[in-house]
Amino acid sequence: MAQQRFCRQCGRRDDCQDVYQKVGGGKGPSLVSKAVVAFAAPLLFFIICLAVSERILAETISAERVRTAVALVLSLSVTFLLILVIRAISGRFGKSNRF
């Protein structure tokens, strides 16, 4: 109901449907793979790296708090390096060098 009142006051209410059809019917590339690489991959990589480093450090460091802190810093560092590598690769194979 509020949407209808808003549309009545809009100056572009007559061509609104055309705009939505043009925007929705775009023939651009899918962004799913880029979204996965940008968000899910670093998060999963961080979780895996944290679990692995915690297990490896369990044999080396006996104090649990120190082991957790070292594993966290190590995992964050490695994940940050992964993000830098992803940005370097996407910059190299970005818009200027399409296949």
PDB file of N, CA and C in Angstrom:
ATOM      1  N   MET A   1       0.817  -1.179   0.000  1.00  0.00           N
ATOM      2  CA  MET A   1       0.000   0.000   0.000  1.00  0.00           C
ATOM      3  C   MET A   1       0.869   1.254   0.000  1.00  0.00           C
ATOM      4  N   ALA A   2       1.926   1.261   0.823  1.00  0.00           N
ATOM      5  CA  ALA A   2       2.823   2.414   0.876  1.00  0.00           C
ATOM      6  C   ALA A   2       3.558   2.579  -0.447  1.00  0.00           C
ATOM      7  N   GLN A   3       3.867   1.439  -1.094  1.00  0.00           N
ATOM      8  CA  GLN A   3       4.551   1.496  -2.392  1.00  0.00           C
ATOM      9  C   GLN A   3       3.677   2.181  -3.431  1.00  0.00           C
ATOM     10  N   GLN A   4       2.393   1.907  -3.442  1.00  0.00           N
ATOM     11  CA  GLN A   4       1.493   2.519  -4.414  1.00  0.00           C
ATOM     12  C   GLN A   4       1.416   4.030  -4.199  1.00  0.00           C
ATOM     13  N   ARG A   5       1.375   4.473  -2.947  1.00  0.00           N
ATOM     14  CA  ARG A   5       1.360   5.912  -2.676  1.00  0.00           C
ATOM     15  C   ARG A   5       2.661   6.557  -3.139  1.00  0.00           C
ATOM     16  N   PHE A   6       3.744   5.872  -2.904  1.00  0.00           N
ATOM     17  CA  PHE A   6       5.045   6.392  -3.330  1.00  0.00           C
ATOM     18  C   PHE A   6       5.106   6.489  -4.847  1.00  0.00           C
ATOM     19  N   CYS A   7       4.589   5.479  -5.537  1.00  0.00           N
ATOM     20  CA  CYS A   7       4.617   5.470  -6.997  1.00  0.00           C
ATOM     21  C   CYS A   7       3.725   6.577  -7.582  1.00  0.00           C
ATOM     22  N   ARG A   8       2.639   6.872  -6.939  1.00  0.00           N
ATOM     23  CA  ARG A   8       1.756   7.931  -7.435  1.00  0.00           C
ATOM     24  C   ARG A   8       2.444   9.295  -7.387  1.00  0.00           C
ATOM     25  N   GLN A   9       3.329   9.488  -6.413  1.00  0.00           N
ATOM     26  CA  GLN A   9       4.019  10.764  -6.262  1.00  0.00           C
ATOM     27  C   GLN A   9       5.274  10.859  -7.125  1.00  0.00           C
ATOM     28  N   CYS A  10       5.715   9.754  -7.670  1.00  0.00           N
ATOM     29  CA  CYS A  10       6.958   9.711  -8.436  1.00  0.00           C
ATOM     30  C   CYS A  10       6.744  10.315  -9.830  1.00  0.00           C
ATOM     31  N   GLY A  11       7.689  11.110 -10.267  1.00  0.00           N
ATOM     32  CA  GLY A  11       7.603  11.716 -11.590  1.00  0.00           C
ATOM     33  C   GLY A  11       7.928  10.752 -12.707  1.00  0.00           C
ATOM     34  N   ARG A  12       8.561   9.615 -12.401  1.00  0.00           N
ATOM     35  CA  ARG A  12       8.955   8.646 -13.422  1.00  0.00           C
ATOM     36  C   ARG A  12       8.119   7.379 -13.353  1.00  0.00           C
ATOM     37  N   ARG A  13       6.933   7.470 -12.810  1.00  0.00           N
ATOM     38  CA  ARG A  13       6.107   6.283 -12.606  1.00  0.00           C
ATOM     39  C   ARG A  13       5.694   5.630 -13.914  1.00  0.00           C
ATOM     40  N   ASP A  14       5.661   6.388 -15.008  1.00  0.00           N
ATOM     41  CA  ASP A  14       5.213   5.828 -16.283  1.00  0.00           C
ATOM     42  C   ASP A  14       6.267   4.934 -16.937  1.00  0.00           C
ATOM     43  N   ASP A  15       7.525   5.287 -16.790  1.00  0.00           N
ATOM     44  CA  ASP A  15       8.565   4.480 -17.443  1.00  0.00           C
ATOM     45  C   ASP A  15       9.354   3.636 -16.443  1.00  0.00           C
ATOM     46  N   CYS A  16       8.857   3.485 -15.247  1.00  0.00           N
ATOM     47  CA  CYS A  16       9.536   2.712 -14.209  1.00  0.00           C
ATOM     48  C   CYS A  16       9.663   1.241 -14.609  1.00  0.00           C
ATOM     49  N   GLN A  17       8.623   0.665 -15.133  1.00  0.00           N
ATOM     50  CA  GLN A  17       8.641  -0.742 -15.507  1.00  0.00           C
ATOM     51  C   GLN A  17       9.654  -1.000 -16.622  1.00  0.00           C
ATOM     52  N   ASP A  18       9.770  -0.080 -17.549  1.00  0.00           N
ATOM     53  CA  ASP A  18      10.753  -0.230 -18.623  1.00  0.00           C
ATOM     54  C   ASP A  18      12.177  -0.242 -18.080  1.00  0.00           C
ATOM     55  N   VAL A  19      12.433   0.615 -17.109  1.00  0.00           N
ATOM     56  CA  VAL A  19      13.772   0.676 -16.510  1.00  0.00           C
ATOM     57  C   VAL A  19      14.098  -0.638 -15.812  1.00  0.00           C
ATOM     58  N   TYR A  20      13.159  -1.169 -15.045  1.00  0.00           N
ATOM     59  CA  TYR A  20      13.395  -2.440 -14.358  1.00  0.00           C
ATOM     60  C   TYR A  20      13.618  -3.576 -15.345  1.00  0.00           C
ATOM     61  N   GLN A  21      12.918  -3.599 -16.452  1.00  0.00           N
ATOM     62  CA  GLN A  21      13.107  -4.648 -17.453  1.00  0.00           C
ATOM     63  C   GLN A  21      14.478  -4.530 -18.106  1.00  0.00           C
ATOM     64  N   LYS A  22      14.918  -3.310 -18.382  1.00  0.00           N
ATOM     65  CA  LYS A  22      16.242  -3.128 -18.983  1.00  0.00           C
ATOM     66  C   LYS A  22      17.350  -3.534 -18.020  1.00  0.00           C
ATOM     67  N   VAL A  23      17.217  -3.163 -16.760  1.00  0.00           N
ATOM     68  CA  VAL A  23      18.236  -3.507 -15.775  1.00  0.00           C
ATOM     69  C   VAL A  23      18.249  -5.011 -15.510  1.00  0.00           C
ATOM     70  N   GLY A  24      17.094  -5.613 -15.389  1.00  0.00           N
ATOM     71  CA  GLY A  24      17.001  -7.042 -15.104  1.00  0.00           C
ATOM     72  C   GLY A  24      17.374  -7.911 -16.280  1.00  0.00           C
ATOM     73  N   GLY A  25      17.266  -7.406 -17.477  1.00  0.00           N
ATOM     74  CA  GLY A  25      17.567  -8.208 -18.669  1.00  0.00           C
ATOM     75  C   GLY A  25      18.971  -8.018 -19.181  1.00  0.00           C
ATOM     76  N   GLY A  26      19.861  -7.493 -18.361  1.00  0.00           N
ATOM     77  CA  GLY A  26      21.237  -7.268 -18.789  1.00  0.00           C
ATOM     78  C   GLY A  26      21.942  -8.574 -19.116  1.00  0.00           C
ATOM     79  N   LYS A  27      22.810  -8.521 -20.088  1.00  0.00           N
ATOM     80  CA  LYS A  27      23.536  -9.716 -20.535  1.00  0.00           C
ATOM     81  C   LYS A  27      24.987  -9.684 -20.081  1.00  0.00           C
ATOM     82  N   GLY A  28      25.227  -9.292 -18.848  1.00  0.00           N
ATOM     83  CA  GLY A  28      26.581  -9.230 -18.318  1.00  0.00           C
ATOM     84  C   GLY A  28      27.028 -10.575 -17.765  1.00  0.00           C
ATOM     85  N   PRO A  29      28.305 -10.682 -17.431  1.00  0.00           N
ATOM     86  CA  PRO A  29      28.810 -11.933 -16.863  1.00  0.00           C
ATOM     87  C   PRO A  29      28.275 -12.150 -15.445  1.00  0.00           C
ATOM     88  N   SER A  30      28.229 -13.399 -15.043  1.00  0.00           N
ATOM     89  CA  SER A  30      27.750 -13.734 -13.708  1.00  0.00           C
ATOM     90  C   SER A  30      28.770 -13.295 -12.665  1.00  0.00           C
ATOM     91  N   LEU A  31      28.281 -12.774 -11.571  1.00  0.00           N
ATOM     92  CA  LEU A  31      29.157 -12.308 -10.501  1.00  0.00           C
ATOM     93  C   LEU A  31      29.285 -13.303  -9.360  1.00  0.00           C
ATOM     94  N   VAL A  32      28.710 -14.477  -9.518  1.00  0.00           N
ATOM     95  CA  VAL A  32      28.725 -15.471  -8.440  1.00  0.00           C
ATOM     96  C   VAL A  32      30.148 -15.908  -8.129  1.00  0.00           C
ATOM     97  N   SER A  33      30.929 -16.207  -9.149  1.00  0.00           N
ATOM     98  CA  SER A  33      32.293 -16.674  -8.904  1.00  0.00           C
ATOM     99  C   SER A  33      33.137 -15.589  -8.246  1.00  0.00           C
ATOM    100  N   LYS A  34      32.950 -14.336  -8.648  1.00  0.00           N
ATOM    101  CA  LYS A  34      33.702 -13.248  -8.030  1.00  0.00           C
ATOM    102  C   LYS A  34      33.287 -13.050  -6.584  1.00  0.00           C
ATOM    103  N   ALA A  35      32.011 -13.216  -6.296  1.00  0.00           N
ATOM    104  CA  ALA A  35      31.538 -13.068  -4.918  1.00  0.00           C
ATOM    105  C   ALA A  35      32.090 -14.175  -4.027  1.00  0.00           C
ATOM    106  N   VAL A  36      32.145 -15.383  -4.553  1.00  0.00           N
ATOM    107  CA  VAL A  36      32.691 -16.507  -3.779  1.00  0.00           C
ATOM    108  C   VAL A  36      34.167 -16.276  -3.497  1.00  0.00           C
ATOM    109  N   VAL A  37      34.910 -15.845  -4.517  1.00  0.00           N
ATOM    110  CA  VAL A  37      36.340 -15.607  -4.330  1.00  0.00           C
ATOM    111  C   VAL A  37      36.567 -14.454  -3.365  1.00  0.00           C
ATOM    112  N   ALA A  38      35.742 -13.433  -3.437  1.00  0.00           N
ATOM    113  CA  ALA A  38      35.948 -12.252  -2.608  1.00  0.00           C
ATOM    114  C   ALA A  38      35.564 -12.463  -1.144  1.00  0.00           C
ATOM    115  N   PHE A  39      34.529 -13.247  -0.893  1.00  0.00           N
ATOM    116  CA  PHE A  39      34.022 -13.357   0.479  1.00  0.00           C
ATOM    117  C   PHE A  39      34.206 -14.739   1.091  1.00  0.00           C
ATOM    118  N   ALA A  40      33.744 -15.763   0.418  1.00  0.00           N
ATOM    119  CA  ALA A  40      33.735 -17.104   1.004  1.00  0.00           C
ATOM    120  C   ALA A  40      35.125 -17.730   1.052  1.00  0.00           C
ATOM    121  N   ALA A  41      35.910 -17.554   0.013  1.00  0.00           N
ATOM    122  CA  ALA A  41      37.224 -18.194  -0.028  1.00  0.00           C
ATOM    123  C   ALA A  41      38.137 -17.723   1.104  1.00  0.00           C
ATOM    124  N   PRO A  42      38.293 -16.422   1.340  1.00  0.00           N
ATOM    125  CA  PRO A  42      39.149 -16.018   2.465  1.00  0.00           C
ATOM    126  C   PRO A  42      38.612 -16.470   3.825  1.00  0.00           C
ATOM    127  N   LEU A  43      37.305 -16.469   3.985  1.00  0.00           N
ATOM    128  CA  LEU A  43      36.728 -16.905   5.253  1.00  0.00           C
ATOM    129  C   LEU A  43      36.980 -18.392   5.497  1.00  0.00           C
ATOM    130  N   LEU A  44      36.727 -19.201   4.498  1.00  0.00           N
ATOM    131  CA  LEU A  44      36.998 -20.640   4.624  1.00  0.00           C
ATOM    132  C   LEU A  44      38.484 -20.905   4.819  1.00  0.00           C
ATOM    133  N   PHE A  45      39.307 -20.182   4.083  1.00  0.00           N
ATOM    134  CA  PHE A  45      40.752 -20.347   4.209  1.00  0.00           C
ATOM    135  C   PHE A  45      41.205 -19.999   5.625  1.00  0.00           C
ATOM    136  N   PHE A  46      40.663 -18.923   6.200  1.00  0.00           N
ATOM    137  CA  PHE A  46      41.010 -18.529   7.560  1.00  0.00           C
ATOM    138  C   PHE A  46      40.622 -19.609   8.569  1.00  0.00           C
ATOM    139  N   ILE A  47      39.425 -20.147   8.435  1.00  0.00           N
ATOM    140  CA  ILE A  47      38.959 -21.174   9.366  1.00  0.00           C
ATOM    141  C   ILE A  47      39.830 -22.416   9.278  1.00  0.00           C
ATOM    142  N   ILE A  48      40.141 -22.842   8.065  1.00  0.00           N
ATOM    143  CA  ILE A  48      40.983 -24.026   7.881  1.00  0.00           C
ATOM    144  C   ILE A  48      42.382 -23.765   8.421  1.00  0.00           C
ATOM    145  N   CYS A  49      42.928 -22.604   8.119  1.00  0.00           N
ATOM    146  CA  CYS A  49      44.268 -22.256   8.590  1.00  0.00           C
ATOM    147  C   CYS A  49      44.318 -22.187  10.115  1.00  0.00           C
ATOM    148  N   LEU A  50      43.273 -21.654  10.721  1.00  0.00           N
ATOM    149  CA  LEU A  50      43.218 -21.574  12.180  1.00  0.00           C
ATOM    150  C   LEU A  50      43.180 -22.967  12.806  1.00  0.00           C
ATOM    151  N   ALA A  51      42.378 -23.853  12.244  1.00  0.00           N
ATOM    152  CA  ALA A  51      42.285 -25.217  12.785  1.00  0.00           C
ATOM    153  C   ALA A  51      43.610 -25.964  12.633  1.00  0.00           C
ATOM    154  N   VAL A  52      44.230 -25.836  11.467  1.00  0.00           N
ATOM    155  CA  VAL A  52      45.495 -26.536  11.223  1.00  0.00           C
ATOM    156  C   VAL A  52      46.597 -25.975  12.116  1.00  0.00           C
ATOM    157  N   SER A  53      46.702 -24.661  12.203  1.00  0.00           N
ATOM    158  CA  SER A  53      47.766 -24.083  13.026  1.00  0.00           C
ATOM    159  C   SER A  53      47.548 -24.380  14.511  1.00  0.00           C
ATOM    160  N   GLU A  54      46.301 -24.421  14.948  1.00  0.00           N
ATOM    161  CA  GLU A  54      46.015 -24.783  16.345  1.00  0.00           C
ATOM    162  C   GLU A  54      46.467 -26.216  16.629  1.00  0.00           C
ATOM    163  N   ARG A  55      46.218 -27.098  15.691  1.00  0.00           N
ATOM    164  CA  ARG A  55      46.622 -28.499  15.884  1.00  0.00           C
ATOM    165  C   ARG A  55      48.139 -28.652  15.858  1.00  0.00           C
ATOM    166  N   ILE A  56      48.801 -27.934  14.945  1.00  0.00           N
ATOM    167  CA  ILE A  56      50.260 -28.028  14.867  1.00  0.00           C
ATOM    168  C   ILE A  56      50.903 -27.415  16.111  1.00  0.00           C
ATOM    169  N   LEU A  57      50.378 -26.285  16.558  1.00  0.00           N
ATOM    170  CA  LEU A  57      50.959 -25.612  17.723  1.00  0.00           C
ATOM    171  C   LEU A  57      50.643 -26.316  19.034  1.00  0.00           C
ATOM    172  N   ALA A  58      49.675 -27.224  19.034  1.00  0.00           N
ATOM    173  CA  ALA A  58      49.342 -27.968  20.261  1.00  0.00           C
ATOM    174  C   ALA A  58      50.518 -28.814  20.732  1.00  0.00           C
ATOM    175  N   GLU A  59      51.310 -29.275  19.787  1.00  0.00           N
ATOM    176  CA  GLU A  59      52.478 -30.083  20.137  1.00  0.00           C
ATOM    177  C   GLU A  59      53.653 -29.222  20.581  1.00  0.00           C
ATOM    178  N   THR A  60      53.669 -27.959  20.172  1.00  0.00           N
ATOM    179  CA  THR A  60      54.811 -27.085  20.440  1.00  0.00           C
ATOM    180  C   THR A  60      54.608 -26.198  21.663  1.00  0.00           C
ATOM    181  N   ILE A  61      53.433 -25.575  21.771  1.00  0.00           N
ATOM    182  CA  ILE A  61      53.164 -24.612  22.844  1.00  0.00           C
ATOM    183  C   ILE A  61      52.155 -25.226  23.809  1.00  0.00           C
ATOM    184  N   SER A  62      52.530 -25.281  25.081  1.00  0.00           N
ATOM    185  CA  SER A  62      51.652 -25.931  26.052  1.00  0.00           C
ATOM    186  C   SER A  62      50.585 -24.984  26.620  1.00  0.00           C
ATOM    187  N   ALA A  63      50.876 -23.696  26.713  1.00  0.00           N
ATOM    188  CA  ALA A  63      49.915 -22.734  27.256  1.00  0.00           C
ATOM    189  C   ALA A  63      48.815 -22.473  26.222  1.00  0.00           C
ATOM    190  N   GLU A  64      47.579 -22.736  26.634  1.00  0.00           N
ATOM    191  CA  GLU A  64      46.459 -22.662  25.683  1.00  0.00           C
ATOM    192  C   GLU A  64      46.215 -21.249  25.168  1.00  0.00           C
ATOM    193  N   ARG A  65      46.288 -20.260  26.039  1.00  0.00           N
ATOM    194  CA  ARG A  65      46.045 -18.874  25.614  1.00  0.00           C
ATOM    195  C   ARG A  65      47.104 -18.401  24.623  1.00  0.00           C
ATOM    196  N   VAL A  66      48.337 -18.725  24.896  1.00  0.00           N
ATOM    197  CA  VAL A  66      49.432 -18.332  23.996  1.00  0.00           C
ATOM    198  C   VAL A  66      49.289 -19.050  22.666  1.00  0.00           C
ATOM    199  N   ARG A  67      48.963 -20.331  22.714  1.00  0.00           N
ATOM    200  CA  ARG A  67      48.780 -21.118  21.493  1.00  0.00           C
ATOM    201  C   ARG A  67      47.654 -20.544  20.644  1.00  0.00           C
ATOM    202  N   THR A  68      46.546 -20.174  21.275  1.00  0.00           N
ATOM    203  CA  THR A  68      45.415 -19.599  20.545  1.00  0.00           C
ATOM    204  C   THR A  68      45.784 -18.250  19.930  1.00  0.00           C
ATOM    205  N   ALA A  69      46.492 -17.423  20.679  1.00  0.00           N
ATOM    206  CA  ALA A  69      46.897 -16.118  20.163  1.00  0.00           C
ATOM    207  C   ALA A  69      47.851 -16.254  18.985  1.00  0.00           C
ATOM    208  N   VAL A  70      48.814 -17.152  19.110  1.00  0.00           N
ATOM    209  CA  VAL A  70      49.773 -17.365  18.023  1.00  0.00           C
ATOM    210  C   VAL A  70      49.058 -17.934  16.795  1.00  0.00           C
ATOM    211  N   ALA A  71      48.151 -18.865  16.992  1.00  0.00           N
ATOM    212  CA  ALA A  71      47.402 -19.440  15.870  1.00  0.00           C
ATOM    213  C   ALA A  71      46.538 -18.388  15.185  1.00  0.00           C
ATOM    214  N   LEU A  72      45.940 -17.506  15.976  1.00  0.00           N
ATOM    215  CA  LEU A  72      45.112 -16.439  15.410  1.00  0.00           C
ATOM    216  C   LEU A  72      45.938 -15.475  14.576  1.00  0.00           C
ATOM    217  N   VAL A  73      47.076 -15.037  15.126  1.00  0.00           N
ATOM    218  CA  VAL A  73      47.943 -14.108  14.386  1.00  0.00           C
ATOM    219  C   VAL A  73      48.479 -14.775  13.128  1.00  0.00           C
ATOM    220  N   LEU A  74      48.893 -16.009  13.235  1.00  0.00           N
ATOM    221  CA  LEU A  74      49.399 -16.741  12.074  1.00  0.00           C
ATOM    222  C   LEU A  74      48.325 -16.893  11.006  1.00  0.00           C
ATOM    223  N   SER A  75      47.119 -17.257  11.403  1.00  0.00           N
ATOM    224  CA  SER A  75      46.029 -17.455  10.453  1.00  0.00           C
ATOM    225  C   SER A  75      45.617 -16.141   9.793  1.00  0.00           C
ATOM    226  N   LEU A  76      45.566 -15.070  10.572  1.00  0.00           N
ATOM    227  CA  LEU A  76      45.251 -13.763   9.990  1.00  0.00           C
ATOM    228  C   LEU A  76      46.320 -13.319   8.997  1.00  0.00           C
ATOM    229  N   SER A  77      47.567 -13.567   9.314  1.00  0.00           N
ATOM    230  CA  SER A  77      48.661 -13.190   8.412  1.00  0.00           C
ATOM    231  C   SER A  77      48.592 -13.956   7.100  1.00  0.00           C
ATOM    232  N   VAL A  78      48.383 -15.244   7.193  1.00  0.00           N
ATOM    233  CA  VAL A  78      48.315 -16.067   5.985  1.00  0.00           C
ATOM    234  C   VAL A  78      47.084 -15.708   5.160  1.00  0.00           C
ATOM    235  N   THR A  79      45.972 -15.441   5.816  1.00  0.00           N
ATOM    236  CA  THR A  79      44.759 -15.044   5.096  1.00  0.00           C
ATOM    237  C   THR A  79      44.945 -13.692   4.429  1.00  0.00           C
ATOM    238  N   PHE A  80      45.619 -12.775   5.094  1.00  0.00           N
ATOM    239  CA  PHE A  80      45.905 -11.482   4.489  1.00  0.00           C
ATOM    240  C   PHE A  80      46.775 -11.643   3.248  1.00  0.00           C
ATOM    241  N   LEU A  81      47.761 -12.529   3.300  1.00  0.00           N
ATOM    242  CA  LEU A  81      48.591 -12.807   2.123  1.00  0.00           C
ATOM    243  C   LEU A  81      47.752 -13.398   0.998  1.00  0.00           C
ATOM    244  N   LEU A  82      46.816 -14.277   1.332  1.00  0.00           N
ATOM    245  CA  LEU A  82      45.928 -14.838   0.318  1.00  0.00           C
ATOM    246  C   LEU A  82      45.110 -13.737  -0.356  1.00  0.00           C
ATOM    247  N   ILE A  83      44.594 -12.804   0.433  1.00  0.00           N
ATOM    248  CA  ILE A  83      43.809 -11.704  -0.129  1.00  0.00           C
ATOM    249  C   ILE A  83      44.677 -10.844  -1.047  1.00  0.00           C
ATOM    250  N   LEU A  84      45.922 -10.604  -0.657  1.00  0.00           N
ATOM    251  CA  LEU A  84      46.826  -9.844  -1.518  1.00  0.00           C
ATOM    252  C   LEU A  84      47.093 -10.569  -2.832  1.00  0.00           C
ATOM    253  N   VAL A  85      47.265 -11.882  -2.769  1.00  0.00           N
ATOM    254  CA  VAL A  85      47.479 -12.666  -3.982  1.00  0.00           C
ATOM    255  C   VAL A  85      46.239 -12.628  -4.880  1.00  0.00           C
ATOM    256  N   ILE A  86      45.071 -12.762  -4.281  1.00  0.00           N
ATOM    257  CA  ILE A  86      43.829 -12.706  -5.065  1.00  0.00           C
ATOM    258  C   ILE A  86      43.690 -11.340  -5.731  1.00  0.00           C
ATOM    259  N   ARG A  87      43.997 -10.271  -5.003  1.00  0.00           N
ATOM    260  CA  ARG A  87      43.898  -8.924  -5.576  1.00  0.00           C
ATOM    261  C   ARG A  87      44.917  -8.740  -6.685  1.00  0.00           C
ATOM    262  N   ALA A  88      46.118  -9.292  -6.533  1.00  0.00           N
ATOM    263  CA  ALA A  88      47.137  -9.166  -7.579  1.00  0.00           C
ATOM    264  C   ALA A  88      46.716  -9.919  -8.831  1.00  0.00           C
ATOM    265  N   ILE A  89      46.169 -11.112  -8.642  1.00  0.00           N
ATOM    266  CA  ILE A  89      45.721 -11.897  -9.793  1.00  0.00           C
ATOM    267  C   ILE A  89      44.542 -11.226 -10.474  1.00  0.00           C
ATOM    268  N   SER A  90      43.578 -10.745  -9.697  1.00  0.00           N
ATOM    269  CA  SER A  90      42.414 -10.100 -10.307  1.00  0.00           C
ATOM    270  C   SER A  90      42.801  -8.782 -10.958  1.00  0.00           C
ATOM    271  N   GLY A  91      43.805  -8.108 -10.445  1.00  0.00           N
ATOM    272  CA  GLY A  91      44.290  -6.890 -11.082  1.00  0.00           C
ATOM    273  C   GLY A  91      45.000  -7.173 -12.385  1.00  0.00           C
ATOM    274  N   ARG A  92      45.711  -8.278 -12.440  1.00  0.00           N
ATOM    275  CA  ARG A  92      46.433  -8.652 -13.652  1.00  0.00           C
ATOM    276  C   ARG A  92      45.484  -9.145 -14.730  1.00  0.00           C
ATOM    277  N   PHE A  93      44.479  -9.928 -14.344  1.00  0.00           N
ATOM    278  CA  PHE A  93      43.531 -10.478 -15.296  1.00  0.00           C
ATOM    279  C   PHE A  93      42.182  -9.776 -15.197  1.00  0.00           C
ATOM    280  N   GLY A  94      42.184  -8.526 -14.833  1.00  0.00           N
ATOM    281  CA  GLY A  94      40.948  -7.766 -14.649  1.00  0.00           C
ATOM    282  C   GLY A  94      40.362  -7.298 -15.962  1.00  0.00           C
ATOM    283  N   LYS A  95      39.783  -6.117 -15.934  1.00  0.00           N
ATOM    284  CA  LYS A  95      39.051  -5.587 -17.078  1.00  0.00           C
ATOM    285  C   LYS A  95      39.945  -5.354 -18.289  1.00  0.00           C
ATOM    286  N   SER A  96      41.198  -5.005 -18.099  1.00  0.00           N
ATOM    287  CA  SER A  96      42.043  -4.654 -19.237  1.00  0.00           C
ATOM    288  C   SER A  96      42.475  -5.857 -20.061  1.00  0.00           C
ATOM    289  N   ASN A  97      42.565  -7.045 -19.454  1.00  0.00           N
ATOM    290  CA  ASN A  97      43.041  -8.228 -20.154  1.00  0.00           C
ATOM    291  C   ASN A  97      41.978  -9.303 -20.221  1.00  0.00           C
ATOM    292  N   ARG A  98      40.874  -9.029 -20.828  1.00  0.00           N
ATOM    293  CA  ARG A  98      39.821 -10.038 -20.943  1.00  0.00           C
ATOM    294  C   ARG A  98      40.207 -11.089 -21.961  1.00  0.00           C
ATOM    295  N   PHE A  99      39.762 -12.323 -21.695  1.00  0.00           N
ATOM    296  CA  PHE A  99      40.048 -13.411 -22.614  1.00  0.00           C
ATOM    297  C   PHE A  99      39.029 -13.473 -23.703  1.00  0.00           C
TER     298      PHE A  99
END
